[in-house]
Each structure stands twice: as C-alpha cells, then as structure tokens.
Amino acid sequence: MHKNFLFLQTRSPVSGGPEAFDLAMTAAAFDHDVHLVLADEGVFWLKAGLPDLVKEAIEQISVERESLAERGIATPAELPLLARGDLTRLIADADVVVTG
C-alpha cells in the first residue's frame, strides 16, 4: 500500500547522527511519497551538510523558515522554505509522521 510519509528532523547532527535518515531513505526506496522537513535543531544539518545519499534518495526536502531565523542561519538557496503554519497542514495530510 502506497503511503505518504512526513519525516520531521528536529535533532541536530550531534544528537541525531546520519542514521536519523535511514527510515526516510528506506521508505523512499519502496516508492512511498517521502517529505523530509528540517526544523528546530534539525536546521543545523544545513551547516553540517546533509549526507549526499539523503539528498539523492529523498526528492522533497524542506526547511522551516522560522527555525532558520530563530538560529540565525542563512536561507539555503537549494531547498524550499516552509512556514511553521504550513507544517501543521503537512502533518495532517501525512499517513505516517516520524519525528527525530
């Protein structure tokens, strides 16, 4: 059965590590719709660098605008921004929500 997954990465690279993306990449490998959102401390992945394998496996990667502003991190040119209010809609529309 085809599912719509939302992976909300709220942990920094120090506390989450690259294995935090394993489940998202597994879901994408089985042709599920996967959306990865970097929010809260998860925006620090932009400074550390998202693993290439993650960028290749997951087509929909967004960054929460307010999390960037709160931490003084520059807006990434390569990833779309998502307003905090829109995140609520994504959560409601997803079949499966995974936070980490």
C-alpha atoms as a PDB file:
ATOM      1  CA  MET A   1       0.000   0.000   0.000  1.00  0.00           C
ATOM      2  CA  HIS A   2       1.336   3.414  -1.007  1.00  0.00           C
ATOM      3  CA  LYS A   3       1.778   5.819   1.943  1.00  0.00           C
ATOM      4  CA  ASN A   4       2.553   9.498   2.389  1.00  0.00           C
ATOM      5  CA  PHE A   5       5.410   9.841   4.928  1.00  0.00           C
ATOM      6  CA  LEU A   6       6.481  13.031   6.680  1.00  0.00           C
ATOM      7  CA  PHE A   7       9.839  12.919   8.427  1.00  0.00           C
ATOM      8  CA  LEU A   8      10.320  15.855  10.761  1.00  0.00           C
ATOM      9  CA  GLN A   9      14.013  16.120  11.638  1.00  0.00           C
ATOM     10  CA  THR A  10      14.216  18.261  14.776  1.00  0.00           C
ATOM     11  CA  ARG A  11      17.532  16.969  16.140  1.00  0.00           C
ATOM     12  CA  SER A  12      20.946  18.381  15.351  1.00  0.00           C
ATOM     13  CA  PRO A  13      23.702  16.344  13.681  1.00  0.00           C
ATOM     14  CA  VAL A  14      25.390  15.959  17.062  1.00  0.00           C
ATOM     15  CA  SER A  15      22.346  14.381  18.725  1.00  0.00           C
ATOM     16  CA  GLY A  16      20.774  12.708  15.693  1.00  0.00           C
ATOM     17  CA  GLY A  17      23.600  11.475  13.503  1.00  0.00           C
ATOM     18  CA  PRO A  18      23.205  10.371   9.884  1.00  0.00           C
ATOM     19  CA  GLU A  19      21.353   7.213  10.914  1.00  0.00           C
ATOM     20  CA  ALA A  20      18.404   9.502  11.697  1.00  0.00           C
ATOM     21  CA  PHE A  21      17.647   9.471   7.962  1.00  0.00           C
ATOM     22  CA  ASP A  22      17.714   5.672   7.497  1.00  0.00           C
ATOM     23  CA  LEU A  23      13.959   5.192   7.860  1.00  0.00           C
ATOM     24  CA  ALA A  24      13.215   8.049   5.438  1.00  0.00           C
ATOM     25  CA  MET A  25      15.552   6.577   2.825  1.00  0.00           C
ATOM     26  CA  THR A  26      14.017   3.119   3.341  1.00  0.00           C
ATOM     27  CA  ALA A  27      10.501   4.488   2.780  1.00  0.00           C
ATOM     28  CA  ALA A  28      11.688   6.295  -0.365  1.00  0.00           C
ATOM     29  CA  ALA A  29      13.298   3.082  -1.655  1.00  0.00           C
ATOM     30  CA  PHE A  30       9.875   1.410  -1.502  1.00  0.00           C
ATOM     31  CA  ASP A  31       8.359   4.205  -3.637  1.00  0.00           C
ATOM     32  CA  HIS A  32       6.392   5.880  -0.877  1.00  0.00           C
ATOM     33  CA  ASP A  33       5.929   9.646  -1.005  1.00  0.00           C
ATOM     34  CA  VAL A  34       8.524  10.989   1.413  1.00  0.00           C
ATOM     35  CA  HIS A  35       8.821  14.582   2.591  1.00  0.00           C
ATOM     36  CA  LEU A  36      11.699  15.499   4.905  1.00  0.00           C
ATOM     37  CA  VAL A  37      11.408  18.737   6.873  1.00  0.00           C
ATOM     38  CA  LEU A  38      14.328  20.190   8.817  1.00  0.00           C
ATOM     39  CA  ALA A  39      13.006  22.143  11.805  1.00  0.00           C
ATOM     40  CA  ASP A  40      14.131  23.295  15.241  1.00  0.00           C
ATOM     41  CA  GLU A  41      17.672  21.991  15.892  1.00  0.00           C
ATOM     42  CA  GLY A  42      17.407  19.950  12.679  1.00  0.00           C
ATOM     43  CA  VAL A  43      18.259  23.064  10.646  1.00  0.00           C
ATOM     44  CA  PHE A  44      21.860  22.658  11.820  1.00  0.00           C
ATOM     45  CA  TRP A  45      22.085  19.865   9.238  1.00  0.00           C
ATOM     46  CA  LEU A  46      22.440  22.685   6.714  1.00  0.00           C
ATOM     47  CA  LYS A  47      25.700  23.748   8.366  1.00  0.00           C
ATOM     48  CA  ALA A  48      26.972  20.180   8.790  1.00  0.00           C
ATOM     49  CA  GLY A  49      25.791  19.208   5.314  1.00  0.00           C
ATOM     50  CA  LEU A  50      23.022  16.767   4.549  1.00  0.00           C
ATOM     51  CA  PRO A  51      24.510  13.414   3.529  1.00  0.00           C
ATOM     52  CA  ASP A  52      24.585  13.061  -0.268  1.00  0.00           C
ATOM     53  CA  LEU A  53      22.720   9.772  -0.035  1.00  0.00           C
ATOM     54  CA  VAL A  54      19.823  11.549   1.685  1.00  0.00           C
ATOM     55  CA  LYS A  55      19.690  14.272  -0.978  1.00  0.00           C
ATOM     56  CA  GLU A  56      19.690  11.620  -3.715  1.00  0.00           C
ATOM     57  CA  ALA A  57      17.058   9.361  -2.118  1.00  0.00           C
ATOM     58  CA  ILE A  58      14.532  11.949  -0.914  1.00  0.00           C
ATOM     59  CA  GLU A  59      13.009  14.252  -3.502  1.00  0.00           C
ATOM     60  CA  GLN A  60      11.027  16.515  -1.145  1.00  0.00           C
ATOM     61  CA  ILE A  61      13.258  18.234   1.409  1.00  0.00           C
ATOM     62  CA  SER A  62      12.137  21.498   3.018  1.00  0.00           C
ATOM     63  CA  VAL A  63      13.380  23.764   5.781  1.00  0.00           C
ATOM     64  CA  GLU A  64      11.182  25.528   8.305  1.00  0.00           C
ATOM     65  CA  ARG A  65      11.660  29.270   7.841  1.00  0.00           C
ATOM     66  CA  GLU A  66      11.123  30.236  11.489  1.00  0.00           C
ATOM     67  CA  SER A  67      13.683  27.699  12.729  1.00  0.00           C
ATOM     68  CA  LEU A  68      16.312  29.268  10.455  1.00  0.00           C
ATOM     69  CA  ALA A  69      15.505  32.784  11.674  1.00  0.00           C
ATOM     70  CA  GLU A  70      15.495  31.774  15.350  1.00  0.00           C
ATOM     71  CA  ARG A  71      19.005  30.298  14.981  1.00  0.00           C
ATOM     72  CA  GLY A  72      20.440  32.958  12.689  1.00  0.00           C
ATOM     73  CA  ILE A  73      21.126  30.518   9.852  1.00  0.00           C
ATOM     74  CA  ALA A  74      21.157  31.809   6.288  1.00  0.00           C
ATOM     75  CA  THR A  75      18.383  30.735   3.952  1.00  0.00           C
ATOM     76  CA  PRO A  76      19.556  27.882   1.719  1.00  0.00           C
ATOM     77  CA  ALA A  77      19.227  28.558  -1.995  1.00  0.00           C
ATOM     78  CA  GLU A  78      18.787  24.896  -2.924  1.00  0.00           C
ATOM     79  CA  LEU A  79      15.941  23.937  -0.563  1.00  0.00           C
ATOM     80  CA  PRO A  80      12.404  25.322  -0.373  1.00  0.00           C
ATOM     81  CA  LEU A  81      11.301  27.090   2.792  1.00  0.00           C
ATOM     82  CA  LEU A  82       8.209  26.096   4.702  1.00  0.00           C
ATOM     83  CA  ALA A  83       6.285  28.353   7.086  1.00  0.00           C
ATOM     84  CA  ARG A  84       5.568  26.921  10.527  1.00  0.00           C
ATOM     85  CA  GLY A  85       1.833  27.201   9.870  1.00  0.00           C
ATOM     86  CA  ASP A  86       2.167  25.092   6.718  1.00  0.00           C
ATOM     87  CA  LEU A  87       3.852  22.355   8.719  1.00  0.00           C
ATOM     88  CA  THR A  88       0.558  21.745  10.521  1.00  0.00           C
ATOM     89  CA  ARG A  89      -1.110  21.039   7.172  1.00  0.00           C
ATOM     90  CA  LEU A  90       1.663  18.643   6.136  1.00  0.00           C
ATOM     91  CA  ILE A  91       1.302  16.740   9.400  1.00  0.00           C
ATOM     92  CA  ALA A  92      -2.466  16.480   8.959  1.00  0.00           C
ATOM     93  CA  ASP A  93      -2.119  15.269   5.346  1.00  0.00           C
ATOM     94  CA  ALA A  94       0.531  12.629   6.045  1.00  0.00           C
ATOM     95  CA  ASP A  95      -0.366   8.970   6.563  1.00  0.00           C
ATOM     96  CA  VAL A  96       2.728   8.485   8.728  1.00  0.00           C
ATOM     97  CA  VAL A  97       4.646  11.152  10.699  1.00  0.00           C
ATOM     98  CA  VAL A  98       8.063  10.335  12.132  1.00  0.00           C
ATOM     99  CA  THR A  99       9.967  12.809  14.288  1.00  0.00           C
ATOM    100  CA  GLY A 100      13.583  12.600  15.245  1.00  0.00           C
END
